[in-house]
């Protein structure tokens, strides 16, 4: 209370440790306190919001909440507001739907894009008693406000003449619950408005509560603390998500590319390395290795992705692809009519492609850990035949591409995933002994070759081949 940063946020002092806080400053004070190293537990309670009946469907043979989903809902509700962290493919939407049923009030759901909004609508109509007329979409193309309204972050943060005309949606209705999907992506204007919504229940859903801008503490202070967290490997071991094999494929730039890289401006080097045309034959080889499986080729740069799509004769989805066309291509991919789909970062989040079992990443948002995890998440939906998912990252050796890849992998390493490293040349001939990657600086620095540890785990069964390592131990 002595800090200058709390000045103006506190009211009348009632005693040695008691002070009045005006409701309008509730969120702002929590933001300041967490910055001062004093995270506050908010016990001030919530408004009820406008009642609206919502129940989960209970017809025979429909579905049952999984044990961890029930635990997540109960933990959230007992805490009042907060964040639920579940791996991609673990059913975060169902946790949201069950929380809505428990609240039985009008609900505002904030999502990343219009495709995600329509997926939410389909899931709610499938798993709850809500009808199409009760669910509205508030996006760039539609402005429907109904008892359950699904709005995109993009439209709410649209700025005109210095103001955000759509942000009033957050507080202009008597919402009983606000759901923030992919809460780790919360834009700054939503942060500011959420500070004024502390009297309403708030549920944040995410698979990766990491932000490269370091603002995780603001998520906790404004949405609420982490109420439930299920580690990826725990759910994999229980069979709720598919087991995944992660592999880094390293290629060597040719002499001309190395010279161009060495003489380029620092800010241009990553793109030069990441967009090397030498990645094309590697993508060919990886897709041939998994012939007949549904595969995604994922990248950051539209010109690179367009070239790959033309080379493969595959469709491509980027930010300029219309919502209608995206849905058509996603549906064709889900049905198996399209086996290979090239996608940009628009497919990083909230896209349900349960049949995808292979992903090849050619470029990304520099060293983004959450993007790496979200891209793996596109392929870990459990498969009907129980097969493994395979996640490949293709990087240029001794470049910023490799450096950023090492940083990107940190979150998944913390979740228990190991990356095998193979040389690009071995994809067209014999395969090398596959190595477990350590987290030591020597093992992860550019140009370093980690010591070969032969992999005995069945996770790498599809990658095993005669060992070319000089070590005396045979590969198993």
Protein backbone atom coordinates (compact mmCIF):
# COMPACT_ATOMS: atom_id res chain seq x y z
CA UNK A 1 0.00 0.00 0.00
CA UNK A 2 3.04 2.22 0.26
CA UNK A 3 3.99 1.81 -3.40
CA UNK A 4 3.54 4.85 -5.61
CA UNK A 5 2.21 2.53 -8.32
CA UNK A 6 -0.93 1.80 -6.28
CA UNK A 7 -1.68 5.50 -5.81
CA UNK A 8 -5.13 6.31 -7.10
CA UNK A 9 -6.20 2.63 -7.08
CA UNK A 10 -6.90 2.41 -3.35
CA UNK A 11 -9.70 4.07 -1.40
CA UNK A 12 -10.25 4.64 2.29
CA UNK A 13 -8.02 2.75 4.67
CA UNK A 14 -10.09 0.71 7.12
CA UNK A 15 -7.34 -0.73 9.30
CA UNK A 16 -3.76 -1.95 9.44
CA UNK A 17 -4.25 -4.37 6.54
CA UNK A 18 -7.63 -3.38 5.10
CA UNK A 19 -8.40 -0.84 2.43
CA UNK A 20 -11.38 -0.09 0.20
CA UNK A 21 -10.94 -0.86 -3.52
CA UNK A 22 -13.43 0.62 -5.94
CA UNK A 23 -14.90 -2.07 -8.24
CA UNK A 24 -13.69 -0.18 -11.32
CA UNK A 25 -10.07 -0.51 -10.12
CA UNK A 26 -10.25 -4.21 -9.24
CA UNK A 27 -8.45 -5.43 -12.35
CA UNK A 28 -5.98 -2.55 -12.59
CA UNK A 29 -4.90 -3.09 -8.98
CA UNK A 30 -4.27 -6.80 -9.58
CA UNK A 31 -2.11 -5.91 -12.60
CA UNK A 32 -0.01 -3.53 -10.48
CA UNK A 33 0.29 -5.96 -7.58
CA UNK A 34 1.55 -8.83 -9.73
CA UNK A 35 4.17 -6.50 -11.24
CA UNK A 36 5.26 -5.67 -7.68
CA UNK A 37 5.62 -9.37 -6.91
CA UNK A 38 2.41 -9.62 -4.86
CA UNK A 39 -0.16 -11.61 -6.85
CA UNK A 40 -3.59 -11.07 -5.33
CA UNK A 41 -6.29 -13.67 -4.74
CA UNK A 42 -9.58 -12.09 -5.77
CA UNK A 43 -12.43 -13.18 -3.50
CA UNK A 44 -14.81 -10.32 -4.26
CA UNK A 45 -17.24 -12.55 -6.14
CA UNK A 46 -19.12 -12.20 -9.42
CA UNK A 47 -22.39 -10.95 -10.83
CA UNK A 48 -24.78 -13.73 -11.84
CA UNK A 49 -25.38 -12.48 -15.37
CA UNK A 50 -28.51 -13.11 -17.38
CA UNK A 51 -29.80 -16.65 -16.95
CA UNK A 52 -30.03 -18.86 -20.04
CA UNK A 53 -30.58 -22.64 -19.90
CA UNK A 54 -27.69 -24.69 -21.27
CA UNK A 55 -27.19 -28.40 -20.66
CA UNK A 56 -24.92 -31.04 -22.13
CA UNK A 57 -26.63 -33.57 -24.37
CA UNK A 58 -27.24 -36.83 -22.55
CA UNK A 59 -28.75 -38.97 -25.25
CA UNK A 60 -27.37 -42.53 -25.31
CA UNK A 61 -24.23 -43.03 -27.38
CA UNK A 62 -23.41 -39.32 -27.72
CA UNK A 63 -20.38 -38.66 -25.52
CA UNK A 64 -19.11 -38.55 -21.97
CA UNK A 65 -16.73 -36.04 -20.49
CA UNK A 66 -13.34 -37.58 -19.86
CA UNK A 67 -12.14 -37.68 -16.23
CA UNK A 68 -9.60 -34.89 -16.71
CA UNK A 69 -12.23 -32.71 -18.42
CA UNK A 70 -14.53 -33.11 -15.43
CA UNK A 71 -11.66 -32.23 -13.10
CA UNK A 72 -10.86 -29.15 -15.18
CA UNK A 73 -14.45 -27.89 -15.05
CA UNK A 74 -14.75 -28.49 -11.30
CA UNK A 75 -11.41 -26.79 -10.61
CA UNK A 76 -12.38 -23.78 -12.70
CA UNK A 77 -15.81 -23.43 -11.12
CA UNK A 78 -14.49 -23.80 -7.57
CA UNK A 79 -11.98 -21.02 -8.24
CA UNK A 80 -14.51 -18.72 -9.89
CA UNK A 81 -12.28 -17.58 -12.75
CA UNK A 82 -9.01 -18.77 -14.23
CA UNK A 83 -7.14 -20.65 -16.91
CA UNK A 84 -7.38 -24.30 -17.97
CA UNK A 85 -4.34 -25.67 -19.79
CA UNK A 86 -4.88 -28.81 -21.89
CA UNK A 87 -2.90 -30.18 -24.84
CA UNK A 88 -4.17 -29.65 -28.36
CA UNK A 89 -6.67 -32.37 -29.20
CA UNK A 90 -7.62 -32.94 -25.56
CA UNK A 91 -11.07 -31.35 -25.87
CA UNK A 92 -10.78 -27.78 -24.57
CA UNK A 93 -14.01 -26.87 -26.37
CA UNK A 94 -15.86 -29.52 -24.34
CA UNK A 95 -14.43 -28.03 -21.14
CA UNK A 96 -15.82 -24.69 -22.29
CA UNK A 97 -19.21 -26.23 -23.12
CA UNK A 98 -19.41 -28.01 -19.75
CA UNK A 99 -18.50 -24.77 -17.95
CA UNK A 100 -21.27 -22.99 -19.87
CA UNK A 101 -23.72 -25.70 -18.81
CA UNK A 102 -22.66 -25.28 -15.19
CA UNK A 103 -23.13 -21.50 -15.45
CA UNK A 104 -26.39 -21.64 -17.48
CA UNK A 105 -26.10 -17.96 -18.32
CA UNK A 106 -25.57 -15.88 -21.43
CA UNK A 107 -22.01 -16.41 -22.60
CA UNK A 108 -19.51 -14.50 -24.73
CA UNK A 109 -16.82 -16.67 -26.38
CA UNK A 110 -13.74 -14.98 -27.85
CA UNK A 111 -11.86 -16.93 -30.55
CA UNK A 112 -8.97 -16.41 -32.95
CA UNK A 113 -10.78 -16.32 -36.30
CA UNK A 114 -14.06 -16.94 -38.14
CA UNK A 115 -13.22 -20.58 -38.95
CA UNK A 116 -12.69 -21.23 -35.25
CA UNK A 117 -15.96 -19.43 -34.47
CA UNK A 118 -17.87 -21.76 -36.76
CA UNK A 119 -16.13 -24.82 -35.30
CA UNK A 120 -17.20 -23.69 -31.82
CA UNK A 121 -20.77 -23.24 -33.04
CA UNK A 122 -20.85 -26.72 -34.56
CA UNK A 123 -19.42 -28.28 -31.39
CA UNK A 124 -21.88 -26.46 -29.12
CA UNK A 125 -24.82 -27.57 -31.25
CA UNK A 126 -23.48 -31.12 -31.19
CA UNK A 127 -22.69 -31.43 -27.49
CA UNK A 128 -25.23 -29.10 -25.82
CA UNK A 129 -28.92 -28.33 -26.07
CA UNK A 130 -28.19 -24.97 -27.72
CA UNK A 131 -29.84 -24.45 -31.11
CA UNK A 132 -28.54 -22.52 -34.09
CA UNK A 133 -30.84 -19.59 -33.28
CA UNK A 134 -29.31 -19.26 -29.80
CA UNK A 135 -25.72 -18.93 -31.05
CA UNK A 136 -24.53 -15.76 -32.78
CA UNK A 137 -21.31 -15.04 -34.69
CA UNK A 138 -19.69 -11.63 -34.29
CA UNK A 139 -16.96 -11.46 -36.93
CA UNK A 140 -15.90 -9.42 -39.92
CA UNK A 141 -18.75 -10.78 -42.04
CA UNK A 142 -21.50 -11.13 -39.40
CA UNK A 143 -22.62 -9.09 -36.39
CA UNK A 144 -25.03 -11.37 -34.51
CA UNK A 145 -25.55 -10.86 -30.76
CA UNK A 146 -27.46 -13.75 -29.19
CA UNK A 147 -27.58 -15.51 -25.79
CA UNK A 148 -24.34 -17.25 -26.75
CA UNK A 149 -22.19 -15.00 -28.93
CA UNK A 150 -18.91 -16.09 -30.49
CA UNK A 151 -16.69 -13.13 -31.41
CA UNK A 152 -13.24 -12.98 -32.99
CA UNK A 153 -10.34 -11.15 -31.39
CA UNK A 154 -9.68 -9.52 -34.76
CA UNK A 155 -13.04 -7.79 -35.06
CA UNK A 156 -13.04 -6.65 -31.42
CA UNK A 157 -9.61 -5.04 -31.86
CA UNK A 158 -10.48 -3.32 -35.16
CA UNK A 159 -9.52 0.30 -34.69
CA UNK A 160 -11.19 3.24 -36.42
CA UNK A 161 -10.13 6.84 -35.88
CA UNK A 162 -8.33 5.86 -32.70
CA UNK A 163 -11.22 3.98 -31.10
CA UNK A 164 -12.30 0.34 -30.91
CA UNK A 165 -16.00 0.45 -31.86
CA UNK A 166 -16.67 -3.24 -31.18
CA UNK A 167 -15.05 -3.55 -27.74
CA UNK A 168 -18.32 -2.43 -26.13
CA UNK A 169 -19.60 -5.94 -26.85
CA UNK A 170 -17.56 -7.12 -23.86
CA UNK A 171 -19.43 -5.01 -21.33
CA UNK A 172 -22.64 -3.88 -23.02
CA UNK A 173 -24.48 -7.13 -22.24
CA UNK A 174 -25.08 -8.91 -18.96
CA UNK A 175 -22.83 -11.88 -19.70
CA UNK A 176 -22.63 -14.49 -16.96
CA UNK A 177 -19.49 -16.08 -18.43
CA UNK A 178 -16.75 -14.93 -20.81
CA UNK A 179 -14.63 -17.65 -22.44
CA UNK A 180 -11.25 -16.71 -23.90
CA UNK A 181 -10.13 -19.40 -26.37
CA UNK A 182 -6.36 -19.53 -27.01
CA UNK A 183 -5.99 -17.12 -24.10
CA UNK A 184 -2.21 -16.91 -24.59
CA UNK A 185 -2.93 -14.84 -27.73
CA UNK A 186 -4.96 -12.20 -25.88
CA UNK A 187 -4.36 -8.87 -27.69
CA UNK A 188 -3.46 -5.71 -25.73
CA UNK A 189 -6.85 -3.96 -26.22
CA UNK A 190 -8.63 -7.04 -24.85
CA UNK A 191 -6.27 -6.97 -21.85
CA UNK A 192 -7.26 -3.37 -21.14
CA UNK A 193 -10.99 -4.02 -21.48
CA UNK A 194 -10.79 -7.22 -19.41
CA UNK A 195 -9.40 -5.16 -16.53
CA UNK A 196 -12.89 -3.63 -16.26
CA UNK A 197 -14.69 -7.01 -16.33
CA UNK A 198 -13.51 -8.47 -13.05
CA UNK A 199 -17.07 -8.93 -11.75
CA UNK A 200 -17.84 -11.47 -14.48
CA UNK A 201 -16.68 -15.09 -14.50
CA UNK A 202 -13.82 -15.59 -16.96
CA UNK A 203 -12.48 -18.86 -18.36
CA UNK A 204 -9.23 -18.94 -20.32
CA UNK A 205 -8.44 -21.99 -22.48
CA UNK A 206 -5.03 -22.76 -23.94
CA UNK A 207 -2.56 -25.52 -24.73
CA UNK A 208 0.50 -23.32 -24.37
CA UNK A 209 0.47 -20.67 -21.70
CA UNK A 210 3.69 -19.09 -22.92
CA UNK A 211 4.00 -15.66 -24.52
CA UNK A 212 7.14 -14.43 -26.20
CA UNK A 213 6.37 -10.91 -24.87
CA UNK A 214 6.49 -12.22 -21.29
CA UNK A 215 2.94 -11.10 -20.44
CA UNK A 216 1.77 -14.39 -18.93
CA UNK A 217 1.43 -12.61 -15.58
CA UNK A 218 -1.22 -10.31 -17.07
CA UNK A 219 -3.22 -13.34 -18.18
CA UNK A 220 -3.12 -14.63 -14.61
CA UNK A 221 -3.97 -11.27 -13.05
CA UNK A 222 -6.88 -10.43 -15.37
CA UNK A 223 -8.35 -13.80 -16.40
CA UNK A 224 -7.41 -15.62 -13.22
CA UNK A 225 -4.77 -18.10 -12.01
CA UNK A 226 -4.11 -21.45 -13.60
CA UNK A 227 -6.86 -23.71 -12.29
CA UNK A 228 -5.99 -26.92 -14.11
CA UNK A 229 -3.02 -28.16 -16.12
CA UNK A 230 -2.73 -31.61 -17.75
CA UNK A 231 0.79 -32.43 -19.01
CA UNK A 232 0.92 -33.58 -22.64
CA UNK A 233 2.78 -36.81 -21.91
CA UNK A 234 0.34 -37.79 -19.16
CA UNK A 235 -2.58 -37.65 -21.58
CA UNK A 236 -0.52 -39.40 -24.25
CA UNK A 237 0.27 -42.25 -21.85
CA UNK A 238 -3.45 -42.55 -21.04
CA UNK A 239 -4.32 -42.73 -24.74
CA UNK A 240 -6.23 -39.45 -24.90
CA UNK A 241 -3.85 -37.92 -27.46
CA UNK A 242 -1.73 -39.66 -30.08
CA UNK A 243 1.93 -40.46 -29.34
CA UNK A 244 4.20 -38.20 -31.37
CA UNK A 245 7.71 -38.57 -32.75
CA UNK A 246 9.53 -35.25 -33.22
CA UNK A 247 12.40 -35.07 -35.69
CA UNK A 248 14.71 -32.25 -36.76
CA UNK A 249 16.04 -32.66 -40.30
CA UNK A 250 19.22 -30.64 -40.90
CA UNK A 251 20.37 -29.64 -44.37
CA UNK A 252 23.54 -27.86 -45.50
CA UNK A 253 23.28 -24.75 -47.64
CA UNK A 254 25.27 -24.80 -50.86
CA UNK A 255 28.21 -22.42 -51.40
CA UNK A 256 26.12 -19.74 -53.08
CA UNK A 257 23.49 -19.78 -50.35
CA UNK A 258 26.15 -19.63 -47.64
CA UNK A 259 27.74 -16.58 -49.27
CA UNK A 260 24.34 -14.84 -49.60
CA UNK A 261 23.59 -15.67 -45.97
CA UNK A 262 26.96 -14.40 -44.71
CA UNK A 263 26.65 -11.07 -46.54
CA UNK A 264 22.97 -10.44 -45.76
CA UNK A 265 21.72 -7.95 -43.17
CA UNK A 266 21.11 -9.67 -39.80
CA UNK A 267 17.33 -9.19 -40.03
CA UNK A 268 17.26 -10.93 -43.42
CA UNK A 269 19.32 -13.99 -42.51
CA UNK A 270 16.57 -16.10 -40.96
CA UNK A 271 14.32 -15.76 -43.97
CA UNK A 272 17.16 -16.57 -46.37
CA UNK A 273 18.01 -19.76 -44.48
CA UNK A 274 14.41 -20.79 -43.75
CA UNK A 275 13.35 -20.38 -47.40
CA UNK A 276 16.20 -22.35 -48.91
CA UNK A 277 15.00 -24.20 -52.04
CA UNK A 278 16.98 -27.20 -50.80
CA UNK A 279 14.03 -27.90 -48.49
CA UNK A 280 11.84 -28.94 -51.44
CA UNK A 281 13.40 -32.39 -52.06
CA UNK A 282 13.37 -33.01 -48.30
CA UNK A 283 9.62 -32.37 -48.17
CA UNK A 284 9.26 -34.80 -51.09
CA UNK A 285 11.20 -37.45 -49.22
CA UNK A 286 9.25 -36.97 -45.98
CA UNK A 287 5.89 -37.24 -47.75
CA UNK A 288 7.10 -40.34 -49.62
CA UNK A 289 8.10 -41.86 -46.28
CA UNK A 290 4.50 -41.44 -45.12
CA UNK A 291 2.72 -42.14 -48.38
CA UNK A 292 -1.02 -42.54 -47.90
CA UNK A 293 -1.13 -40.55 -44.65
CA UNK A 294 -2.73 -37.12 -44.26
CA UNK A 295 0.07 -34.56 -44.07
CA UNK A 296 0.43 -30.84 -43.41
CA UNK A 297 3.28 -28.70 -44.69
CA UNK A 298 3.47 -25.65 -42.43
CA UNK A 299 5.41 -22.42 -42.83
CA UNK A 300 5.63 -18.71 -42.25
CA UNK A 301 6.36 -17.16 -45.65
CA UNK A 302 3.64 -17.06 -48.28
CA UNK A 303 6.00 -17.08 -51.28
CA UNK A 304 7.80 -20.14 -49.90
CA UNK A 305 4.51 -21.94 -49.25
CA UNK A 306 3.17 -21.07 -52.71
CA UNK A 307 6.30 -22.53 -54.31
CA UNK A 308 6.00 -25.71 -52.22
CA UNK A 309 2.31 -26.07 -53.05
CA UNK A 310 3.02 -25.73 -56.77
CA UNK A 311 5.88 -28.22 -56.50
CA UNK A 312 3.66 -30.76 -54.70
CA UNK A 313 0.51 -30.03 -56.67
CA UNK A 314 -1.25 -29.42 -53.34
CA UNK A 315 -3.67 -26.68 -52.26
CA UNK A 316 -2.41 -23.88 -50.00
CA UNK A 317 -4.18 -21.91 -47.26
CA UNK A 318 -2.84 -18.47 -46.29
CA UNK A 319 -4.25 -15.33 -44.71
CA UNK A 320 -5.66 -14.23 -48.07
CA UNK A 321 -7.70 -17.42 -48.51
CA UNK A 322 -11.39 -16.73 -47.96
CA UNK A 323 -13.17 -18.29 -45.00
CA UNK A 324 -15.43 -20.23 -47.39
CA UNK A 325 -12.43 -21.65 -49.28
CA UNK A 326 -10.61 -22.50 -46.06
CA UNK A 327 -13.61 -24.45 -44.81
CA UNK A 328 -13.92 -26.26 -48.14
CA UNK A 329 -10.25 -27.30 -48.09
CA UNK A 330 -10.33 -28.30 -44.42
CA UNK A 331 -13.45 -30.41 -45.04
CA UNK A 332 -11.81 -32.09 -48.05
CA UNK A 333 -8.72 -32.80 -45.93
CA UNK A 334 -10.83 -34.27 -43.13
CA UNK A 335 -12.71 -36.51 -45.56
CA UNK A 336 -9.49 -37.76 -47.17
CA UNK A 337 -10.18 -36.22 -50.60
CA UNK A 338 -7.02 -34.14 -50.05
CA UNK A 339 -4.04 -35.94 -48.56
CA UNK A 340 -1.53 -33.05 -48.43
CA UNK A 341 -2.34 -29.50 -47.42
CA UNK A 342 0.10 -26.57 -47.33
CA UNK A 343 -0.80 -24.04 -44.63
CA UNK A 344 0.53 -20.79 -43.20
CA UNK A 345 0.28 -19.63 -39.60
CA UNK A 346 -3.51 -19.19 -40.01
CA UNK A 347 -3.74 -22.92 -39.24
CA UNK A 348 -1.69 -22.68 -36.04
CA UNK A 349 -4.68 -22.41 -33.72
CA UNK A 350 -8.16 -23.80 -33.16
CA UNK A 351 -8.31 -25.88 -36.34
CA UNK A 352 -9.56 -29.44 -35.84
CA UNK A 353 -7.99 -31.84 -38.34
CA UNK A 354 -8.28 -35.20 -36.59
CA UNK A 355 -6.98 -37.28 -39.49
CA UNK A 356 -3.67 -35.42 -39.84
CA UNK A 357 -0.80 -37.60 -38.67
CA UNK A 358 2.23 -35.95 -40.33
CA UNK A 359 3.43 -32.34 -40.22
CA UNK A 360 6.53 -30.92 -41.88
CA UNK A 361 7.51 -27.45 -40.71
CA UNK A 362 9.69 -25.40 -43.08
CA UNK A 363 9.68 -21.99 -41.38
CA UNK A 364 8.10 -20.24 -38.44
CA UNK A 365 7.70 -17.12 -36.34
CA UNK A 366 11.38 -17.06 -35.41
CA UNK A 367 11.84 -18.75 -31.99
CA UNK A 368 8.19 -18.97 -30.94
CA UNK A 369 7.75 -21.82 -28.45
CA UNK A 370 3.97 -21.67 -28.43
CA UNK A 371 3.82 -21.84 -32.23
CA UNK A 372 5.95 -24.99 -32.20
CA UNK A 373 3.62 -26.65 -29.70
CA UNK A 374 0.48 -25.53 -31.52
CA UNK A 375 1.79 -26.94 -34.78
CA UNK A 376 2.52 -30.27 -33.16
CA UNK A 377 -1.00 -30.01 -31.78
CA UNK A 378 -2.47 -30.14 -35.28
CA UNK A 379 -1.52 -33.83 -35.52
CA UNK A 380 -1.94 -35.31 -32.02
CA UNK A 381 -5.67 -35.93 -32.15
CA UNK A 382 -5.98 -39.64 -31.30
CA UNK A 383 -6.13 -41.85 -34.38
CA UNK A 384 -8.69 -44.63 -34.76
CA UNK A 385 -5.97 -47.13 -35.66
CA UNK A 386 -3.72 -45.95 -32.81
CA UNK A 387 -0.82 -44.96 -35.04
CA UNK A 388 1.82 -42.41 -34.08
CA UNK A 389 2.01 -38.82 -35.26
CA UNK A 390 5.21 -37.56 -36.89
CA UNK A 391 6.36 -33.96 -36.56
CA UNK A 392 9.30 -32.82 -38.68
CA UNK A 393 11.17 -29.53 -38.57
CA UNK A 394 13.43 -28.90 -41.58
CA UNK A 395 16.26 -26.48 -40.75
CA UNK A 396 19.41 -25.14 -42.40
CA UNK A 397 22.50 -26.12 -40.44
CA UNK A 398 24.75 -23.43 -38.87
CA UNK A 399 22.24 -20.62 -39.43
CA UNK A 400 19.65 -18.60 -37.54
CA UNK A 401 17.17 -21.21 -38.76
CA UNK A 402 18.82 -23.81 -36.53
CA UNK A 403 19.22 -21.37 -33.63
CA UNK A 404 15.54 -20.44 -33.65
CA UNK A 405 14.57 -24.11 -33.95
CA UNK A 406 16.44 -24.84 -30.71
CA UNK A 407 14.51 -22.11 -28.91
CA UNK A 408 11.18 -23.18 -30.40
CA UNK A 409 11.60 -26.69 -29.04
CA UNK A 410 11.98 -25.66 -25.38
CA UNK A 411 8.31 -25.83 -24.38
CA UNK A 412 7.85 -29.30 -25.88
CA UNK A 413 11.11 -30.45 -24.27
CA UNK A 414 9.67 -29.37 -20.91
CA UNK A 415 6.58 -31.46 -21.72
CA UNK A 416 8.79 -34.54 -22.20
CA UNK A 417 9.24 -34.61 -25.98
CA UNK A 418 12.68 -35.40 -27.42
CA UNK A 419 13.76 -34.44 -30.92
CA UNK A 420 15.67 -36.94 -33.00
CA UNK A 421 18.18 -35.29 -35.36
CA UNK A 422 18.81 -36.68 -38.82
CA UNK A 423 20.83 -35.39 -41.75
CA UNK A 424 18.92 -34.43 -44.87
CA UNK A 425 21.22 -36.50 -47.06
CA UNK A 426 20.20 -39.64 -45.22
CA UNK A 427 16.58 -39.26 -46.28
CA UNK A 428 17.48 -40.33 -49.81
CA UNK A 429 19.77 -43.16 -48.76
CA UNK A 430 20.32 -45.06 -45.52
CA UNK A 431 19.10 -43.57 -42.25
CA UNK A 432 21.49 -42.66 -39.46
CA UNK A 433 21.45 -43.68 -35.86
CA UNK A 434 18.81 -41.45 -34.24
CA UNK A 435 19.91 -39.26 -31.40
CA UNK A 436 18.25 -38.03 -28.26
CA UNK A 437 18.75 -34.28 -28.00
CA UNK A 438 20.10 -32.98 -24.72
CA UNK A 439 19.47 -29.47 -23.49
CA UNK A 440 23.12 -28.62 -22.93
CA UNK A 441 24.46 -25.56 -24.80
CA UNK A 442 27.06 -27.71 -26.53
CA UNK A 443 24.47 -30.12 -27.85
CA UNK A 444 22.09 -27.43 -29.06
CA UNK A 445 24.55 -24.88 -30.44
CA UNK A 446 24.72 -24.39 -34.23
CA UNK A 447 27.12 -26.77 -35.88
CA UNK A 448 27.41 -29.06 -32.90
CA UNK A 449 26.68 -32.74 -33.36
CA UNK A 450 25.29 -34.27 -30.16
CA UNK A 451 26.73 -37.61 -29.14
CA UNK A 452 24.80 -40.53 -30.60
CA UNK A 453 22.56 -42.30 -28.12
CA UNK A 454 20.82 -45.22 -29.79
CA UNK A 455 17.10 -44.99 -29.22
CA UNK A 456 15.47 -48.03 -27.69
CA UNK A 457 12.03 -46.45 -27.24
CA UNK A 458 9.31 -47.84 -29.46
CA UNK A 459 8.43 -44.20 -30.22
CA UNK A 460 11.14 -44.25 -32.85
CA UNK A 461 10.27 -47.59 -34.41
CA UNK A 462 9.33 -46.06 -37.75
CA UNK A 463 12.66 -44.26 -37.93
CA UNK A 464 14.95 -47.19 -37.15
CA UNK A 465 17.46 -48.30 -39.75
CA UNK A 466 20.94 -49.84 -39.88
CA UNK A 467 23.25 -47.81 -37.67
CA UNK A 468 25.89 -45.66 -39.34
CA UNK A 469 27.28 -44.43 -36.03
CA UNK A 470 30.94 -45.15 -35.24
CA UNK A 471 29.91 -46.12 -31.71
CA UNK A 472 30.25 -49.75 -30.74
CA UNK A 473 26.69 -50.09 -29.48
CA UNK A 474 24.22 -51.27 -32.12
CA UNK A 475 21.07 -49.28 -32.80
CA UNK A 476 17.93 -51.03 -31.63
